[in-house]
Amino acid sequence: MRKAVAAVLVAFLGLACHADSGNALIAVPYGATVTVDGTMEESEWEAESSFAASAQCTHYVVHDGTFLYLGIRSGGRGFGSPCLVQSGSVSVLHASAALATASYGRDGDQWVLTQGFASWECRDEGLTRMELVPVRDAFLSEHGWIASTGGMGNHNEVEYAIRLQGEDLRMQLLFYDTGSFPRMVSWPHLEGDLQAYRQLLDGNLPVRMSFETRRWMTIRTDTP
């Protein structure tokens, strides 16, 4: 039964990503706890939780009751900046060679930068795997999320863990895929002038953003 329902969900996701208006409610399946190390093991990621966001890029979503896990498999090395609505603010979770969090607060019809990427953390240069564990644990404890960085795991796979807060989560995914046809991939699909989003993804945070959060995906975690 779960596979049948999930198959319908995947088909729905593929359509919802290109919706012109409104936001889609997505029921994320319950699954195994994911080790966020940049290697997407089949035992951790349920196949039915995947959908294609572009010809080169496939996204996976699953949760274990504590964390929402986001996996991205792309055509080449890439980096992401999921944007989440949390407690009335928009948080930007950037993962490339290091991790950083930025925040935007609402100002009328726009959103104003309230916290930039003050520090870049969890770089793996010069650290052993064991030395990196407490650094990453501290980041997760402080920021409520963690992701694999560029030097971890498979070069074309990125994994995120985002702590659940007992309520639906609204998200816009931004990802830069450096595969055969380098480009920004968005989920849900963004249209129009994307320059500000490209700047945000590159780490050059605009002071003001016109986030259309009503068009973002609303994510609901299924109970087992």
Protein backbone atom coordinates (compact mmCIF):
# COMPACT_ATOMS: atom_id res chain seq x y z
CA MET A 1 0.00 0.00 0.00
CA ARG A 2 2.80 2.45 0.92
CA LYS A 3 4.55 1.91 -2.42
CA ALA A 4 1.29 2.51 -4.30
CA VAL A 5 0.61 5.73 -2.40
CA ALA A 6 4.24 6.84 -2.78
CA ALA A 7 4.15 6.17 -6.52
CA VAL A 8 1.23 8.59 -6.79
CA LEU A 9 3.14 11.06 -4.61
CA VAL A 10 6.18 10.94 -6.91
CA ALA A 11 4.04 11.59 -9.97
CA PHE A 12 2.40 14.48 -8.11
CA LEU A 13 5.77 15.92 -7.13
CA GLY A 14 6.93 15.98 -10.72
CA LEU A 15 3.89 18.05 -11.65
CA ALA A 16 3.92 20.25 -8.57
CA CYS A 17 7.48 21.37 -9.19
CA HIS A 18 6.30 23.24 -12.27
CA ALA A 19 3.03 24.58 -10.87
CA ASP A 20 2.26 28.17 -11.85
CA SER A 21 0.56 29.24 -8.63
CA GLY A 22 -0.16 28.14 -5.09
CA ASN A 23 1.83 25.66 -3.06
CA ALA A 24 1.64 21.87 -2.93
CA LEU A 25 1.32 19.78 0.20
CA ILE A 26 3.83 16.93 0.19
CA ALA A 27 3.58 13.97 2.54
CA VAL A 28 7.14 12.77 3.20
CA PRO A 29 7.44 9.02 3.92
CA TYR A 30 8.81 7.68 7.20
CA GLY A 31 12.09 5.80 6.78
CA ALA A 32 15.47 4.97 8.19
CA THR A 33 17.83 7.39 9.93
CA VAL A 34 20.29 8.79 7.37
CA THR A 35 23.99 9.20 8.10
CA VAL A 36 24.80 12.60 6.59
CA ASP A 37 28.15 11.84 5.00
CA GLY A 38 27.63 12.64 1.31
CA THR A 39 27.16 8.98 0.33
CA MET A 40 23.54 8.09 -0.43
CA GLU A 41 23.21 4.48 0.64
CA GLU A 42 20.27 2.53 -0.79
CA SER A 43 19.44 1.19 2.67
CA GLU A 44 18.92 4.76 3.92
CA TRP A 45 17.08 6.35 1.02
CA GLU A 46 13.77 4.81 -0.01
CA ALA A 47 13.43 4.77 -3.78
CA GLU A 48 9.79 5.83 -3.62
CA SER A 49 10.72 9.14 -1.99
CA SER A 50 12.60 10.36 -5.07
CA PHE A 51 11.62 12.65 -7.93
CA ALA A 52 13.40 14.30 -10.83
CA ALA A 53 13.77 18.09 -10.55
CA SER A 54 15.67 18.30 -13.86
CA ALA A 55 17.22 16.00 -16.46
CA GLN A 56 20.41 15.83 -14.36
CA CYS A 57 19.19 16.25 -10.81
CA THR A 58 17.12 13.93 -8.60
CA HIS A 59 15.96 14.83 -5.10
CA TYR A 60 15.09 12.47 -2.27
CA VAL A 61 13.08 13.21 0.87
CA VAL A 62 12.42 11.02 3.89
CA HIS A 63 12.17 11.47 7.68
CA ASP A 64 12.72 9.43 10.83
CA GLY A 65 10.48 11.37 13.21
CA THR A 66 13.31 13.63 14.39
CA PHE A 67 14.90 14.90 11.17
CA LEU A 68 13.77 15.63 7.64
CA TYR A 69 16.43 14.26 5.30
CA LEU A 70 17.04 15.81 1.90
CA GLY A 71 19.28 14.05 -0.60
CA ILE A 72 20.39 15.49 -3.93
CA ARG A 73 22.03 13.44 -6.67
CA SER A 74 23.23 15.60 -9.56
CA GLY A 75 25.13 15.34 -12.83
CA GLY A 76 28.32 16.68 -11.28
CA ARG A 77 29.64 18.36 -8.16
CA GLY A 78 27.14 20.83 -6.76
CA PHE A 79 26.11 22.90 -3.77
CA GLY A 80 22.78 23.84 -2.26
CA SER A 81 20.89 26.49 -0.31
CA PRO A 82 17.46 25.26 0.82
CA CYS A 83 15.30 28.14 2.05
CA LEU A 84 12.88 27.38 4.91
CA VAL A 85 10.11 29.36 6.58
CA GLN A 86 10.73 29.01 10.32
CA SER A 87 9.01 31.03 13.06
CA GLY A 88 8.10 33.85 10.68
CA SER A 89 11.59 34.13 9.17
CA VAL A 90 13.25 32.61 6.13
CA SER A 91 16.41 30.63 6.88
CA VAL A 92 18.96 29.91 4.15
CA LEU A 93 20.96 26.71 4.75
CA HIS A 94 24.06 26.89 2.57
CA ALA A 95 26.28 23.86 2.06
CA SER A 96 29.33 23.88 -0.21
CA ALA A 97 32.92 23.53 1.03
CA ALA A 98 31.57 24.70 4.41
CA LEU A 99 28.22 25.33 6.10
CA ALA A 100 26.55 28.63 6.98
CA THR A 101 23.10 29.95 7.92
CA ALA A 102 21.49 33.25 6.93
CA SER A 103 18.09 34.70 7.87
CA TYR A 104 15.56 37.09 6.33
CA GLY A 105 12.71 38.86 8.14
CA ARG A 106 9.51 40.10 6.54
CA ASP A 107 9.20 43.80 5.69
CA GLY A 108 5.86 44.37 3.98
CA ASP A 109 5.85 42.50 0.67
CA GLN A 110 9.60 41.87 0.81
CA TRP A 111 12.12 40.11 3.03
CA VAL A 112 15.13 41.90 4.54
CA LEU A 113 18.43 40.27 5.46
CA THR A 114 18.68 40.10 9.26
CA GLN A 115 21.65 37.72 9.55
CA GLY A 116 24.25 37.09 6.88
CA PHE A 117 26.70 34.22 6.61
CA ALA A 118 28.62 35.37 9.67
CA SER A 119 30.90 32.34 9.75
CA TRP A 120 31.68 29.36 7.56
CA GLU A 121 31.92 26.19 9.60
CA CYS A 122 32.61 22.45 9.32
CA ARG A 123 35.35 22.71 6.72
CA ASP A 124 37.03 19.32 6.49
CA GLU A 125 40.46 20.50 5.34
CA GLY A 126 43.19 19.32 7.69
CA LEU A 127 40.81 17.40 9.96
CA THR A 128 40.45 13.65 10.31
CA ARG A 129 36.99 12.09 10.23
CA MET A 130 37.09 11.62 14.01
CA GLU A 131 38.16 15.25 14.59
CA LEU A 132 35.32 16.48 12.41
CA VAL A 133 32.57 14.64 14.36
CA PRO A 134 32.41 17.00 17.40
CA VAL A 135 32.63 20.03 15.10
CA ARG A 136 29.62 18.85 13.10
CA ASP A 137 27.72 17.79 16.22
CA ALA A 138 28.18 21.29 17.68
CA PHE A 139 26.93 22.91 14.46
CA LEU A 140 23.85 20.66 14.41
CA SER A 141 23.10 21.46 18.05
CA GLU A 142 23.36 25.23 17.50
CA HIS A 143 21.71 25.57 14.08
CA GLY A 144 19.27 22.64 13.95
CA TRP A 145 20.60 21.28 10.66
CA ILE A 146 23.66 19.68 9.13
CA ALA A 147 24.76 18.77 5.59
CA SER A 148 27.59 17.05 3.82
CA THR A 149 30.33 19.35 2.52
CA GLY A 150 32.24 19.27 -0.76
CA GLY A 151 35.04 17.06 0.50
CA MET A 152 32.78 14.34 1.85
CA GLY A 153 31.39 11.21 0.18
CA ASN A 154 30.50 11.07 -3.50
CA HIS A 155 31.21 14.20 -5.51
CA ASN A 156 27.70 14.30 -7.04
CA GLU A 157 25.69 13.62 -3.87
CA VAL A 158 24.67 16.04 -1.11
CA GLU A 159 22.75 15.11 2.04
CA TYR A 160 20.93 17.34 4.55
CA ALA A 161 19.36 16.64 7.94
CA ILE A 162 16.94 19.31 9.20
CA ARG A 163 15.51 19.00 12.71
CA LEU A 164 11.71 18.77 12.71
CA GLN A 165 9.83 21.22 14.90
CA GLY A 166 6.46 19.51 15.15
CA GLU A 167 4.81 21.52 12.38
CA ASP A 168 4.59 21.60 8.61
CA LEU A 169 7.70 22.91 6.90
CA ARG A 170 7.62 25.22 3.89
CA MET A 171 10.68 25.02 1.66
CA GLN A 172 12.23 26.31 -1.56
CA LEU A 173 15.27 24.35 -2.71
CA LEU A 174 18.08 26.04 -4.61
CA PHE A 175 20.90 23.90 -5.97
CA TYR A 176 23.72 24.56 -8.43
CA ASP A 177 24.51 21.53 -10.58
CA THR A 178 27.93 21.60 -12.25
CA GLY A 179 27.20 18.61 -14.52
CA SER A 180 27.29 18.54 -18.33
CA PHE A 181 24.96 21.55 -18.48
CA PRO A 182 25.78 23.69 -15.41
CA ARG A 183 22.77 25.54 -14.07
CA MET A 184 20.71 26.42 -11.03
CA VAL A 185 18.02 23.89 -10.20
CA SER A 186 15.02 25.02 -8.16
CA TRP A 187 12.29 23.08 -6.42
CA PRO A 188 9.54 24.22 -6.80
CA HIS A 189 10.46 25.53 -10.25
CA LEU A 190 11.21 29.27 -10.24
CA GLU A 191 10.42 31.51 -13.20
CA GLY A 192 11.12 35.10 -14.18
CA ASP A 193 14.18 37.11 -13.09
CA LEU A 194 16.33 34.69 -11.07
CA GLN A 195 19.36 36.94 -10.57
CA ALA A 196 18.66 37.50 -6.86
CA TYR A 197 18.26 33.76 -6.29
CA ARG A 198 21.54 33.07 -8.10
CA GLN A 199 23.28 35.62 -5.87
CA LEU A 200 21.79 33.98 -2.79
CA LEU A 201 22.94 30.55 -3.96
CA ASP A 202 26.45 31.87 -4.63
CA GLY A 203 26.65 33.30 -1.10
CA ASN A 204 26.36 36.94 -2.23
CA LEU A 205 23.25 37.61 -0.16
CA PRO A 206 20.98 40.40 -1.48
CA VAL A 207 19.82 42.82 1.22
CA ARG A 208 16.23 42.37 0.04
CA MET A 209 14.48 39.35 -1.46
CA SER A 210 11.00 38.96 -2.92
CA PHE A 211 10.39 35.45 -1.60
CA GLU A 212 7.04 34.11 -2.81
CA THR A 213 6.65 31.73 0.09
CA ARG A 214 3.03 30.96 -0.84
CA ARG A 215 4.42 29.10 -3.88
CA TRP A 216 6.88 27.01 -1.86
CA MET A 217 6.30 23.39 -1.02
CA THR A 218 4.56 22.63 2.26
CA ILE A 219 6.15 19.49 3.68
CA ARG A 220 4.27 17.23 6.07
CA THR A 221 5.92 14.24 7.70
CA ASP A 222 3.88 11.02 7.71
CA THR A 223 3.77 8.99 10.89
CA PRO A 224 4.98 5.36 10.63
